[in-house]
N, C-alpha and C. Protein backbone atom coordinates (compact mmCIF):
# COMPACT_ATOMS: atom_id res chain seq x y z
N MET A 1 0.83 -1.18 0.00
CA MET A 1 0.00 0.00 0.00
C MET A 1 0.88 1.25 0.00
N VAL A 2 0.44 2.23 -0.74
CA VAL A 2 1.16 3.50 -0.79
C VAL A 2 0.17 4.63 -0.52
N LYS A 3 0.68 5.70 0.06
CA LYS A 3 -0.13 6.89 0.27
C LYS A 3 -0.05 7.71 -0.99
N VAL A 4 -1.21 8.15 -1.50
CA VAL A 4 -1.24 8.89 -2.76
C VAL A 4 -2.00 10.21 -2.58
N LYS A 5 -1.74 11.13 -3.51
CA LYS A 5 -2.43 12.42 -3.54
C LYS A 5 -2.81 12.72 -4.98
N CYS A 6 -4.04 13.19 -5.19
CA CYS A 6 -4.50 13.53 -6.53
C CYS A 6 -3.76 14.77 -7.02
N LYS A 7 -3.36 14.75 -8.28
CA LYS A 7 -2.63 15.88 -8.86
C LYS A 7 -3.53 17.08 -9.13
N ILE A 8 -4.85 16.85 -9.23
CA ILE A 8 -5.78 17.93 -9.55
C ILE A 8 -6.45 18.51 -8.29
N CYS A 9 -7.15 17.65 -7.53
CA CYS A 9 -7.93 18.16 -6.40
C CYS A 9 -7.21 18.06 -5.05
N GLY A 10 -6.13 17.28 -4.97
CA GLY A 10 -5.36 17.19 -3.74
C GLY A 10 -5.88 16.19 -2.72
N GLU A 11 -6.90 15.41 -3.09
CA GLU A 11 -7.43 14.41 -2.16
C GLU A 11 -6.38 13.34 -1.90
N GLU A 12 -6.25 12.92 -0.63
CA GLU A 12 -5.26 11.92 -0.25
C GLU A 12 -5.94 10.61 0.11
N GLY A 13 -5.20 9.52 -0.06
CA GLY A 13 -5.72 8.20 0.29
C GLY A 13 -4.64 7.16 0.17
N TYR A 14 -5.03 5.89 0.32
CA TYR A 14 -4.11 4.77 0.22
C TYR A 14 -4.60 3.81 -0.86
N THR A 15 -3.66 3.26 -1.64
CA THR A 15 -4.01 2.29 -2.67
C THR A 15 -2.81 1.40 -2.95
N ALA A 16 -3.11 0.22 -3.50
CA ALA A 16 -2.04 -0.70 -3.89
C ALA A 16 -1.71 -0.53 -5.38
N ALA A 17 -2.55 0.20 -6.11
CA ALA A 17 -2.35 0.37 -7.55
C ALA A 17 -2.49 1.84 -7.94
N PRO A 18 -1.52 2.67 -7.58
CA PRO A 18 -1.66 4.11 -7.84
C PRO A 18 -1.63 4.49 -9.31
N LYS A 19 -1.02 3.68 -10.17
CA LYS A 19 -0.93 4.02 -11.60
C LYS A 19 -2.15 3.55 -12.37
N VAL A 20 -2.95 2.66 -11.78
CA VAL A 20 -4.12 2.12 -12.47
C VAL A 20 -5.38 2.91 -12.11
N LEU A 21 -5.53 3.26 -10.85
CA LEU A 21 -6.74 3.94 -10.39
C LEU A 21 -6.70 5.43 -10.69
N LYS A 22 -7.88 6.00 -10.86
CA LYS A 22 -8.04 7.44 -11.07
C LYS A 22 -8.87 8.00 -9.92
N CYS A 23 -8.67 9.26 -9.63
CA CYS A 23 -9.44 9.96 -8.60
C CYS A 23 -10.87 10.17 -9.09
N GLU A 24 -11.78 10.48 -8.16
CA GLU A 24 -13.17 10.76 -8.53
C GLU A 24 -13.28 11.97 -9.46
N CYS A 25 -12.34 12.92 -9.35
CA CYS A 25 -12.38 14.12 -10.19
C CYS A 25 -11.80 13.85 -11.58
N GLY A 26 -11.23 12.67 -11.79
CA GLY A 26 -10.65 12.33 -13.09
C GLY A 26 -9.14 12.49 -13.14
N GLY A 27 -8.56 13.01 -12.07
CA GLY A 27 -7.11 13.20 -12.03
C GLY A 27 -6.37 11.92 -11.69
N SER A 28 -5.09 11.94 -11.93
CA SER A 28 -4.27 10.77 -11.60
C SER A 28 -3.59 10.98 -10.25
N PHE A 29 -3.16 9.88 -9.66
CA PHE A 29 -2.55 9.94 -8.34
C PHE A 29 -1.04 10.08 -8.43
N ARG A 30 -0.48 10.74 -7.43
CA ARG A 30 0.97 10.85 -7.27
C ARG A 30 1.31 10.18 -5.94
N VAL A 31 2.35 9.33 -5.94
CA VAL A 31 2.75 8.62 -4.73
C VAL A 31 3.43 9.60 -3.78
N ILE A 32 2.93 9.65 -2.55
CA ILE A 32 3.51 10.51 -1.51
C ILE A 32 4.52 9.72 -0.69
N ARG A 33 4.11 8.54 -0.25
CA ARG A 33 4.98 7.75 0.63
C ARG A 33 4.69 6.27 0.42
N GLU A 34 5.74 5.50 0.27
CA GLU A 34 5.59 4.06 0.13
C GLU A 34 5.74 3.40 1.48
N LYS A 35 4.91 2.41 1.75
CA LYS A 35 5.00 1.68 3.00
C LYS A 35 6.18 0.71 2.91
N ARG A 36 7.02 0.73 3.91
CA ARG A 36 8.18 -0.16 3.90
C ARG A 36 7.77 -1.57 4.27
N GLU A 37 8.49 -2.53 3.71
CA GLU A 37 8.22 -3.93 4.02
C GLU A 37 8.61 -4.23 5.46
N ASP A 38 7.83 -5.06 6.10
CA ASP A 38 8.17 -5.50 7.45
C ASP A 38 9.38 -6.41 7.39
N ARG A 39 10.17 -6.37 8.44
CA ARG A 39 11.34 -7.24 8.48
C ARG A 39 10.94 -8.69 8.68
N ILE A 40 9.85 -8.91 9.39
CA ILE A 40 9.36 -10.27 9.59
C ILE A 40 8.44 -10.60 8.42
N THR A 41 8.72 -11.70 7.76
CA THR A 41 7.88 -12.11 6.64
C THR A 41 6.60 -12.76 7.17
N THR A 42 5.67 -12.99 6.28
CA THR A 42 4.41 -13.61 6.66
C THR A 42 4.64 -15.01 7.20
N VAL A 43 5.57 -15.75 6.61
CA VAL A 43 5.86 -17.11 7.07
C VAL A 43 6.43 -17.07 8.48
N ASP A 44 7.38 -16.17 8.71
CA ASP A 44 7.96 -16.03 10.05
C ASP A 44 6.89 -15.68 11.07
N ARG A 45 5.99 -14.78 10.70
CA ARG A 45 4.92 -14.37 11.61
C ARG A 45 4.00 -15.54 11.91
N SER A 46 3.70 -16.38 10.91
CA SER A 46 2.84 -17.54 11.12
C SER A 46 3.50 -18.53 12.07
N ILE A 47 4.80 -18.73 11.91
CA ILE A 47 5.52 -19.65 12.80
C ILE A 47 5.50 -19.12 14.23
N LEU A 48 5.71 -17.82 14.40
CA LEU A 48 5.66 -17.22 15.73
C LEU A 48 4.27 -17.35 16.34
N ASP A 49 3.22 -17.15 15.54
CA ASP A 49 1.85 -17.29 16.03
C ASP A 49 1.58 -18.71 16.49
N LEU A 50 2.02 -19.71 15.71
CA LEU A 50 1.82 -21.11 16.10
C LEU A 50 2.59 -21.42 17.38
N PHE A 51 3.80 -20.92 17.50
CA PHE A 51 4.60 -21.15 18.70
C PHE A 51 3.91 -20.55 19.93
N ASN A 52 3.42 -19.33 19.80
CA ASN A 52 2.73 -18.68 20.92
C ASN A 52 1.44 -19.40 21.27
N PHE A 53 0.71 -19.89 20.26
CA PHE A 53 -0.53 -20.63 20.49
C PHE A 53 -0.24 -21.93 21.21
N SER A 54 0.82 -22.64 20.80
CA SER A 54 1.16 -23.90 21.46
C SER A 54 1.58 -23.65 22.91
N ASN A 55 2.24 -22.53 23.16
CA ASN A 55 2.60 -22.20 24.55
C ASN A 55 1.36 -21.95 25.39
N LEU A 56 0.34 -21.32 24.82
CA LEU A 56 -0.91 -21.10 25.55
C LEU A 56 -1.60 -22.41 25.87
N ILE A 57 -1.61 -23.34 24.91
CA ILE A 57 -2.23 -24.64 25.13
C ILE A 57 -1.48 -25.40 26.22
N ASN A 58 -0.15 -25.41 26.13
CA ASN A 58 0.66 -26.11 27.13
C ASN A 58 0.51 -25.48 28.50
N TYR A 59 0.38 -24.17 28.57
CA TYR A 59 0.21 -23.48 29.84
C TYR A 59 -1.12 -23.86 30.48
N GLY A 60 -2.15 -23.99 29.64
CA GLY A 60 -3.46 -24.36 30.15
C GLY A 60 -3.53 -25.79 30.64
N ASN A 61 -2.70 -26.68 30.11
CA ASN A 61 -2.71 -28.09 30.51
C ASN A 61 -1.93 -28.33 31.79
N ASN A 62 -1.11 -27.40 32.19
CA ASN A 62 -0.29 -27.60 33.41
C ASN A 62 -1.01 -27.13 34.63
């Protein structure tokens, strides 16, 4: 996702496709700020979630 601003009316918003979409006024978007990628990937986050969930289950059984 990137933060965009319309070149004509100045309306701001977020989109994943700034070059494809047009503003309601007919203007095109200009990218203001790109969101940086997280250092933890989705797979890493899933593994951490499973690990934390298993710890909760084990804690409840003790």
